């Protein structure tokens, strides 16, 4: 009996152990299933899309790269990136975008994402191939030292023919071979100048442009910036500053005048005004300075007879220089504003120079202060029309220094 009871107990223990193992296995399987479900839910949470999951910076870079791909042949961008090819910059942007987006979606859907980025980059590129390789024109500038206009032609062709057009008519042309997809053209301003491109209000009145044709048959035309072709001084003005000294008796005596000149382009209606002034002293008057090569000289005339002339002022750009009558006097200035004309002496405090009274004044009368500008570049220099490029501005005032001294009203008069 004892033996049978022991066998029965052993069998029961084995059965209980088997049930416990099966229960554990079932629980383990249940846990495994639950873990699998959790993993599936992480890949794409319910209610979310690709655009809400993807890195926003990466998406933004993708959009930027797609836009820039359309400008791979734009030489302006090439100039900005300098020694680094612009195409490499765009590729770098797209590569960075791909990494950020791919990483933000747990590096899944790699093939789909790669195809999408391939389309983003290839569509603009293939469209550019369909459009052909038109010549590009860049780096348009003027060398003030040599007075030459230069520009660079770029493109994938062997030679290029360039023309300068003035109001649509050719005034210069040249053909050059390309080297490393570029060629630089240099044009003397004296060859193409036909007049200022703008008026004093900055409105374009004459158009200069560059037309380039490649040997493959493509061509392009670009306008030259008007500010580069404003080379001729068209207007000049003068104003007076009376210089006086006080005697021991308290009287104000005129010892001379300072003359200031203004050159450039401004309204033709601007004229001298009473008190030695000029309309152009008003801030309401519009004026366009001229950066070019020309000379300025002051001449003073009484009733048509010259009584004084200044040194000749040389202007290069807007820098004015001259030879003073003595070393203690100024020898330079700027034509960006009113320019003090050379005098022959300084005041006793060394603050300003002026033209002494006895150097120009004969007796009371109408004095014409002429500003004479001689242009190196002028509108008729390249055609058959007569012209010398000389601008003479008459600015006259009645000077009654003998009878009125410092009380002279210096009213305008007709020379």
Protein backbone atom coordinates (compact mmCIF):
# COMPACT_ATOMS: atom_id res chain seq x y z
CA UNK A 1 0.00 0.00 0.00
CA UNK A 2 2.79 2.39 0.92
CA UNK A 3 4.43 1.86 -2.45
CA UNK A 4 1.25 2.61 -4.41
CA UNK A 5 0.65 5.79 -2.41
CA UNK A 6 4.14 7.07 -3.14
CA UNK A 7 3.68 6.49 -6.89
CA UNK A 8 0.38 8.33 -6.87
CA UNK A 9 1.91 11.35 -5.12
CA UNK A 10 4.85 11.44 -7.54
CA UNK A 11 2.51 11.36 -10.54
CA UNK A 12 0.47 14.22 -9.12
CA UNK A 13 3.60 16.33 -8.57
CA UNK A 14 4.72 15.80 -12.17
CA UNK A 15 1.27 16.82 -13.44
CA UNK A 16 1.28 20.01 -11.34
CA UNK A 17 4.77 20.91 -12.52
CA UNK A 18 3.73 20.43 -16.15
CA UNK A 19 0.72 22.67 -15.69
CA UNK A 20 2.89 25.36 -14.07
CA UNK A 21 5.40 25.24 -16.96
CA UNK A 22 2.60 25.49 -19.54
CA UNK A 23 1.16 28.42 -17.66
CA UNK A 24 4.50 30.19 -17.66
CA UNK A 25 4.97 29.52 -21.36
CA UNK A 26 1.51 30.90 -22.10
CA UNK A 27 2.27 34.05 -20.12
CA UNK A 28 5.59 34.46 -21.90
CA UNK A 29 3.87 34.15 -25.28
CA UNK A 30 1.30 36.68 -24.18
CA UNK A 31 4.02 39.11 -23.15
CA UNK A 32 5.80 38.55 -26.45
CA UNK A 33 2.67 39.37 -28.39
CA UNK A 34 2.13 42.52 -26.38
CA UNK A 35 5.69 43.69 -27.00
CA UNK A 36 5.25 43.08 -30.70
CA UNK A 37 2.15 45.25 -30.71
CA UNK A 38 3.94 48.06 -28.90
CA UNK A 39 6.77 47.98 -31.44
CA UNK A 40 4.31 48.22 -34.33
CA UNK A 41 2.63 51.28 -32.80
CA UNK A 42 5.95 53.19 -32.48
CA UNK A 43 6.69 53.05 -36.23
CA UNK A 44 3.78 55.34 -37.11
CA UNK A 45 1.51 56.51 -34.27
CA UNK A 46 -2.17 56.64 -35.05
CA UNK A 47 -3.28 59.96 -36.56
CA UNK A 48 0.22 61.10 -37.59
CA UNK A 49 1.53 61.56 -41.14
CA UNK A 50 4.96 61.75 -42.73
CA UNK A 51 4.98 65.56 -42.66
CA UNK A 52 4.06 65.73 -38.96
CA UNK A 53 6.73 63.18 -38.07
CA UNK A 54 9.59 64.34 -40.28
CA UNK A 55 12.10 66.92 -38.99
CA UNK A 56 10.80 70.41 -39.98
CA UNK A 57 14.32 71.77 -40.50
CA UNK A 58 15.07 68.89 -42.84
CA UNK A 59 11.88 69.56 -44.80
CA UNK A 60 12.76 73.25 -45.01
CA UNK A 61 16.23 72.46 -46.34
CA UNK A 62 14.67 70.15 -48.92
CA UNK A 63 12.46 72.99 -50.16
CA UNK A 64 15.42 75.39 -50.27
CA UNK A 65 17.56 72.88 -52.13
CA UNK A 66 14.79 72.23 -54.65
CA UNK A 67 14.49 75.96 -55.39
CA UNK A 68 18.25 76.44 -55.69
CA UNK A 69 18.51 73.51 -58.10
CA UNK A 70 16.75 75.69 -60.68
CA UNK A 71 19.62 78.18 -60.48
CA UNK A 72 22.61 75.90 -60.99
CA UNK A 73 23.63 77.89 -64.07
CA UNK A 74 23.23 81.26 -62.35
CA UNK A 75 26.66 82.92 -62.25
CA UNK A 76 25.58 85.41 -59.62
CA UNK A 77 25.34 82.54 -57.13
CA UNK A 78 28.68 81.22 -58.35
CA UNK A 79 30.25 84.58 -57.52
CA UNK A 80 28.76 84.49 -54.02
CA UNK A 81 30.05 81.00 -53.16
CA UNK A 82 33.50 81.93 -54.49
CA UNK A 83 35.95 79.01 -54.79
CA UNK A 84 33.29 76.47 -53.74
CA UNK A 85 31.18 75.42 -56.76
CA UNK A 86 27.57 76.45 -56.27
CA UNK A 87 26.41 72.96 -57.27
CA UNK A 88 28.31 71.43 -54.33
CA UNK A 89 26.60 73.84 -51.95
CA UNK A 90 23.18 72.70 -53.20
CA UNK A 91 24.14 69.03 -52.96
CA UNK A 92 25.34 69.62 -49.39
CA UNK A 93 21.99 71.19 -48.48
CA UNK A 94 20.06 68.26 -49.96
CA UNK A 95 22.31 65.69 -48.24
CA UNK A 96 21.86 67.39 -44.87
CA UNK A 97 18.11 67.52 -45.41
CA UNK A 98 17.96 63.80 -46.29
CA UNK A 99 19.83 62.85 -43.12
CA UNK A 100 17.61 64.94 -40.84
CA UNK A 101 14.37 63.62 -42.36
CA UNK A 102 15.57 60.01 -42.55
CA UNK A 103 16.74 60.10 -38.93
CA UNK A 104 13.48 61.65 -37.70
CA UNK A 105 11.39 58.76 -39.09
CA UNK A 106 13.61 56.16 -37.41
CA UNK A 107 15.53 55.50 -40.65
CA UNK A 108 12.60 53.67 -42.23
CA UNK A 109 11.22 53.91 -45.76
CA UNK A 110 14.78 54.51 -47.00
CA UNK A 111 14.10 53.54 -50.61
CA UNK A 112 10.97 55.71 -50.87
CA UNK A 113 12.77 58.67 -49.33
CA UNK A 114 15.78 58.26 -51.61
CA UNK A 115 13.56 58.19 -54.71
CA UNK A 116 11.75 61.35 -53.53
CA UNK A 117 15.04 63.22 -53.08
CA UNK A 118 16.29 61.96 -56.44
CA UNK A 119 13.20 63.48 -58.08
CA UNK A 120 13.68 66.76 -56.19
CA UNK A 121 17.18 67.15 -57.58
CA UNK A 122 16.78 65.67 -61.06
CA UNK A 123 13.65 67.50 -62.25
CA UNK A 124 15.19 71.03 -62.13
CA UNK A 125 18.47 69.71 -63.53
CA UNK A 126 16.82 67.95 -66.49
CA UNK A 127 14.66 71.01 -67.13
CA UNK A 128 17.83 73.09 -67.29
CA UNK A 129 19.25 70.72 -69.92
CA UNK A 130 16.11 71.17 -72.00
CA UNK A 131 16.44 74.98 -71.84
CA UNK A 132 19.96 74.90 -73.24
CA UNK A 133 23.10 76.75 -72.16
CA UNK A 134 22.54 80.47 -72.76
CA UNK A 135 25.50 82.81 -72.24
CA UNK A 136 25.75 84.45 -68.85
CA UNK A 137 27.01 88.01 -68.30
CA UNK A 138 28.37 89.09 -64.91
CA UNK A 139 30.93 91.28 -63.12
CA UNK A 140 29.95 94.44 -65.02
CA UNK A 141 32.06 97.29 -63.64
CA UNK A 142 34.01 100.45 -64.52
CA UNK A 143 37.69 100.94 -63.73
CA UNK A 144 38.00 104.63 -62.83
CA UNK A 145 41.77 104.60 -63.33
CA UNK A 146 41.74 103.27 -66.89
CA UNK A 147 38.22 104.52 -67.76
CA UNK A 148 37.21 101.10 -69.05
CA UNK A 149 34.03 99.08 -68.79
CA UNK A 150 34.58 95.36 -68.22
CA UNK A 151 32.33 92.31 -68.01
CA UNK A 152 32.67 88.53 -67.95
CA UNK A 153 30.87 86.09 -70.27
CA UNK A 154 30.30 82.54 -69.03
CA UNK A 155 28.92 79.39 -70.59
CA UNK A 156 29.69 75.98 -72.08
CA UNK A 157 30.66 76.99 -75.62
CA UNK A 158 33.92 77.70 -77.43
CA UNK A 159 33.56 81.40 -78.39
CA UNK A 160 31.34 84.41 -77.74
CA UNK A 161 30.58 87.62 -79.62
CA UNK A 162 29.73 90.64 -77.47
CA UNK A 163 28.19 93.98 -78.42
CA UNK A 164 27.50 97.21 -76.55
CA UNK A 165 24.14 98.68 -77.54
CA UNK A 166 23.06 102.30 -77.10
CA UNK A 167 19.28 102.56 -77.36
CA UNK A 168 19.34 99.32 -79.34
CA UNK A 169 22.08 100.34 -81.79
CA UNK A 170 25.51 98.68 -81.74
CA UNK A 171 28.37 101.03 -80.83
CA UNK A 172 31.06 98.38 -80.15
CA UNK A 173 31.62 94.66 -80.78
CA UNK A 174 34.26 91.98 -80.22
CA UNK A 175 34.57 88.18 -80.44
CA UNK A 176 36.67 86.11 -78.04
CA UNK A 177 37.42 82.44 -77.36
CA UNK A 178 36.27 80.97 -74.06
CA UNK A 179 38.72 79.61 -71.49
CA UNK A 180 37.39 77.42 -68.67
CA UNK A 181 33.86 78.46 -69.65
CA UNK A 182 34.58 82.18 -69.23
CA UNK A 183 36.00 85.17 -71.08
CA UNK A 184 36.55 88.77 -69.94
CA UNK A 185 35.79 91.72 -72.21
CA UNK A 186 37.19 95.23 -71.71
CA UNK A 187 35.75 98.30 -73.46
CA UNK A 188 37.12 101.89 -73.38
CA UNK A 189 34.39 104.26 -72.19
CA UNK A 190 35.52 106.78 -74.79
CA UNK A 191 34.47 104.32 -77.49
CA UNK A 192 30.88 103.81 -76.34
CA UNK A 193 29.84 106.96 -74.47
CA UNK A 194 26.88 108.67 -76.12
CA UNK A 195 25.48 110.61 -73.17
CA UNK A 196 24.40 110.12 -69.56
CA UNK A 197 22.08 107.22 -68.85
CA UNK A 198 20.01 109.11 -66.22
CA UNK A 199 18.74 112.60 -65.51
CA UNK A 200 19.06 114.44 -62.19
CA UNK A 201 15.88 112.75 -60.93
CA UNK A 202 17.46 109.31 -61.51
CA UNK A 203 15.05 108.52 -64.34
CA UNK A 204 16.64 106.46 -67.13
CA UNK A 205 16.82 108.52 -70.32
CA UNK A 206 19.32 106.45 -72.34
CA UNK A 207 19.80 102.68 -72.18
CA UNK A 208 23.15 100.94 -72.55
CA UNK A 209 23.09 97.14 -72.78
CA UNK A 210 25.35 94.17 -73.49
CA UNK A 211 24.31 91.54 -76.01
CA UNK A 212 26.26 88.27 -76.13
CA UNK A 213 25.87 85.46 -78.67
CA UNK A 214 27.60 82.09 -78.40
CA UNK A 215 28.93 80.14 -81.37
CA UNK A 216 26.26 77.53 -80.58
CA UNK A 217 23.52 80.01 -81.48
CA UNK A 218 22.26 81.05 -78.04
CA UNK A 219 22.22 84.72 -77.03
CA UNK A 220 21.36 86.96 -74.10
CA UNK A 221 21.03 90.70 -73.48
CA UNK A 222 21.48 92.52 -70.16
CA UNK A 223 21.22 96.22 -69.33
CA UNK A 224 24.23 98.04 -67.89
CA UNK A 225 23.52 99.76 -64.57
CA UNK A 226 22.71 103.42 -65.40
CA UNK A 227 24.92 104.69 -62.58
CA UNK A 228 28.00 103.32 -64.38
CA UNK A 229 27.38 105.41 -67.50
CA UNK A 230 26.65 108.81 -65.92
CA UNK A 231 29.92 110.47 -66.97
CA UNK A 232 29.13 113.99 -68.20
CA UNK A 233 28.72 117.09 -66.03
CA UNK A 234 25.75 118.94 -67.49
CA UNK A 235 25.16 121.70 -64.92
CA UNK A 236 27.23 123.98 -62.71
CA UNK A 237 26.49 126.70 -60.15
CA UNK A 238 28.30 129.23 -57.94
CA UNK A 239 27.60 131.08 -54.71
CA UNK A 240 29.47 133.79 -52.78
CA UNK A 241 30.40 134.22 -49.15
CA UNK A 242 31.41 137.78 -48.30
CA UNK A 243 34.51 138.03 -46.12
CA UNK A 244 34.85 141.09 -43.87
CA UNK A 245 36.98 142.56 -41.11
CA UNK A 246 36.12 145.06 -38.40
CA UNK A 247 38.08 148.31 -38.10
CA UNK A 248 38.97 150.02 -34.84
CA UNK A 249 35.99 152.29 -35.41
CA UNK A 250 33.68 149.27 -35.63
CA UNK A 251 33.10 149.48 -39.36
CA UNK A 252 32.72 146.28 -41.42
CA UNK A 253 34.97 146.32 -44.47
CA UNK A 254 34.86 143.78 -47.30
CA UNK A 255 38.25 142.09 -47.68
CA UNK A 256 37.25 139.52 -50.29
CA UNK A 257 34.93 136.62 -51.15
CA UNK A 258 34.92 132.85 -50.96
CA UNK A 259 33.44 131.24 -54.06
CA UNK A 260 31.92 127.76 -53.92
CA UNK A 261 30.99 125.68 -56.95
CA UNK A 262 28.48 122.87 -57.46
CA UNK A 263 28.70 120.56 -60.47
CA UNK A 264 26.77 117.53 -61.71
CA UNK A 265 23.21 117.32 -62.98
CA UNK A 266 20.34 119.38 -61.58
CA UNK A 267 17.33 121.36 -62.74
CA UNK A 268 18.05 123.78 -65.57
CA UNK A 269 15.72 126.28 -63.88
CA UNK A 270 17.99 126.59 -60.81
CA UNK A 271 19.72 129.99 -60.81
CA UNK A 272 21.64 132.50 -58.72
CA UNK A 273 19.62 134.30 -56.03
CA UNK A 274 20.05 137.50 -54.00
CA UNK A 275 22.65 137.68 -51.26
CA UNK A 276 25.24 135.73 -53.23
CA UNK A 277 23.15 132.58 -52.89
CA UNK A 278 21.94 130.00 -55.39
CA UNK A 279 18.73 128.00 -55.69
CA UNK A 280 20.74 124.80 -55.33
CA UNK A 281 21.53 125.57 -51.68
CA UNK A 282 17.97 124.44 -50.91
CA UNK A 283 17.68 120.85 -49.73
CA UNK A 284 14.51 120.54 -51.82
CA UNK A 285 16.57 120.68 -55.01
CA UNK A 286 17.52 117.33 -56.54
CA UNK A 287 21.07 116.87 -57.77
CA UNK A 288 23.00 113.94 -59.21
CA UNK A 289 26.78 114.06 -58.63
CA UNK A 290 28.95 112.86 -61.50
CA UNK A 291 31.90 110.55 -60.93
CA UNK A 292 34.10 111.04 -63.97
CA UNK A 293 37.08 112.90 -65.41
CA UNK A 294 36.80 116.63 -66.04
CA UNK A 295 38.26 120.01 -65.08
CA UNK A 296 36.75 123.01 -63.29
CA UNK A 297 37.88 126.62 -63.41
CA UNK A 298 36.49 129.86 -61.97
CA UNK A 299 36.58 133.07 -63.99
CA UNK A 300 35.34 136.45 -62.72
CA UNK A 301 34.21 139.08 -65.22
CA UNK A 302 33.00 142.65 -64.76
CA UNK A 303 30.85 143.92 -67.61
CA UNK A 304 32.32 141.24 -69.89
CA UNK A 305 35.95 141.93 -68.98
CA UNK A 306 37.84 139.19 -67.11
CA UNK A 307 39.33 140.34 -63.83
CA UNK A 308 40.35 137.01 -62.28
CA UNK A 309 40.77 133.30 -63.00
CA UNK A 310 41.52 130.45 -60.62
CA UNK A 311 43.85 127.52 -60.95
CA UNK A 312 42.47 124.66 -63.05
CA UNK A 313 40.98 121.92 -60.87
CA UNK A 314 41.45 118.31 -62.00
CA UNK A 315 38.64 115.92 -61.05
CA UNK A 316 39.09 112.15 -61.01
CA UNK A 317 35.89 110.43 -59.91
CA UNK A 318 34.77 112.94 -57.26
CA UNK A 319 38.26 113.80 -55.98
CA UNK A 320 39.32 117.33 -56.94
CA UNK A 321 42.95 118.49 -56.81
CA UNK A 322 44.82 121.65 -57.89
CA UNK A 323 48.08 123.53 -57.48
CA UNK A 324 47.64 126.23 -54.79
CA UNK A 325 49.33 129.62 -55.08
CA UNK A 326 51.13 128.94 -51.78
CA UNK A 327 51.87 125.90 -49.66
CA UNK A 328 49.66 127.00 -46.76
CA UNK A 329 46.51 126.81 -48.91
CA UNK A 330 44.32 123.79 -49.64
CA UNK A 331 44.99 121.69 -52.72
CA UNK A 332 42.14 119.19 -52.70
CA UNK A 333 38.39 118.83 -52.23
CA UNK A 334 35.35 116.79 -53.29
CA UNK A 335 32.65 117.38 -55.89
CA UNK A 336 30.09 115.38 -53.90
CA UNK A 337 28.78 118.74 -52.65
CA UNK A 338 29.66 122.43 -52.75
CA UNK A 339 33.38 122.75 -53.51
CA UNK A 340 35.30 125.76 -52.16
CA UNK A 341 37.23 127.19 -55.09
CA UNK A 342 40.93 127.98 -54.63
CA UNK A 343 41.66 131.33 -53.00
CA UNK A 344 44.87 133.31 -52.79
CA UNK A 345 45.06 133.84 -49.02
CA UNK A 346 43.83 132.62 -45.63
CA UNK A 347 41.98 134.57 -42.96
CA UNK A 348 44.02 135.63 -39.93
CA UNK A 349 42.69 132.72 -37.86
CA UNK A 350 43.48 130.14 -40.53
CA UNK A 351 39.86 128.98 -40.77
CA UNK A 352 39.10 129.61 -44.44
CA UNK A 353 40.72 130.83 -47.63
CA UNK A 354 39.30 133.46 -49.94
CA UNK A 355 40.00 135.64 -52.96
CA UNK A 356 41.23 139.03 -51.85
CA UNK A 357 39.17 142.00 -52.91
CA UNK A 358 41.97 143.65 -54.87
CA UNK A 359 42.51 140.46 -56.88
CA UNK A 360 39.20 140.76 -58.75
CA UNK A 361 37.26 143.89 -57.71
CA UNK A 362 37.68 147.02 -59.85
CA UNK A 363 34.71 149.14 -58.78
CA UNK A 364 31.00 148.78 -58.12
CA UNK A 365 29.22 146.84 -60.83
CA UNK A 366 27.78 143.54 -62.06
CA UNK A 367 30.25 140.68 -61.57
CA UNK A 368 29.80 137.34 -63.30
CA UNK A 369 31.29 134.34 -61.49
CA UNK A 370 31.64 131.77 -64.25
CA UNK A 371 32.12 128.10 -63.46
CA UNK A 372 33.67 126.41 -66.50
CA UNK A 373 33.63 122.61 -66.71
CA UNK A 374 35.47 120.76 -69.47
CA UNK A 375 34.27 117.16 -69.76
CA UNK A 376 36.44 114.30 -70.98
CA UNK A 377 33.27 112.36 -71.81
CA UNK A 378 30.39 114.16 -73.51
CA UNK A 379 27.35 113.19 -75.54
CA UNK A 380 28.60 114.29 -78.97
CA UNK A 381 32.12 112.88 -78.72
CA UNK A 382 31.31 109.83 -80.87
CA UNK A 383 29.08 111.32 -83.55
CA UNK A 384 29.29 114.02 -86.19
CA UNK A 385 27.50 116.64 -84.10
CA UNK A 386 29.52 119.71 -83.07
CA UNK A 387 30.42 119.90 -79.41
CA UNK A 388 33.35 120.31 -77.08
CA UNK A 389 32.00 119.04 -73.77
CA UNK A 390 32.43 122.47 -72.16
CA UNK A 391 29.78 123.70 -69.72
CA UNK A 392 29.79 127.40 -68.76
CA UNK A 393 27.61 128.53 -65.86
CA UNK A 394 26.95 132.29 -65.44
CA UNK A 395 26.17 133.44 -61.89
CA UNK A 396 26.13 137.24 -61.54
CA UNK A 397 25.62 139.63 -58.61
CA UNK A 398 25.80 143.39 -58.20
CA UNK A 399 28.73 144.14 -55.91
CA UNK A 400 28.70 147.62 -54.35
CA UNK A 401 31.71 147.23 -52.11
CA UNK A 402 32.98 150.79 -52.74
CA UNK A 403 29.76 152.51 -51.77
CA UNK A 404 28.17 150.01 -49.39
CA UNK A 405 31.04 147.84 -48.16
CA UNK A 406 29.59 145.00 -46.05
CA UNK A 407 26.08 146.39 -46.51
CA UNK A 408 26.09 145.50 -50.20
CA UNK A 409 22.96 143.35 -50.73
CA UNK A 410 24.65 141.41 -53.56
CA UNK A 411 21.49 141.22 -55.62
CA UNK A 412 21.46 139.20 -58.82
CA UNK A 413 22.11 141.00 -62.09
CA UNK A 414 22.35 140.28 -65.81
CA UNK A 415 25.96 139.96 -66.99
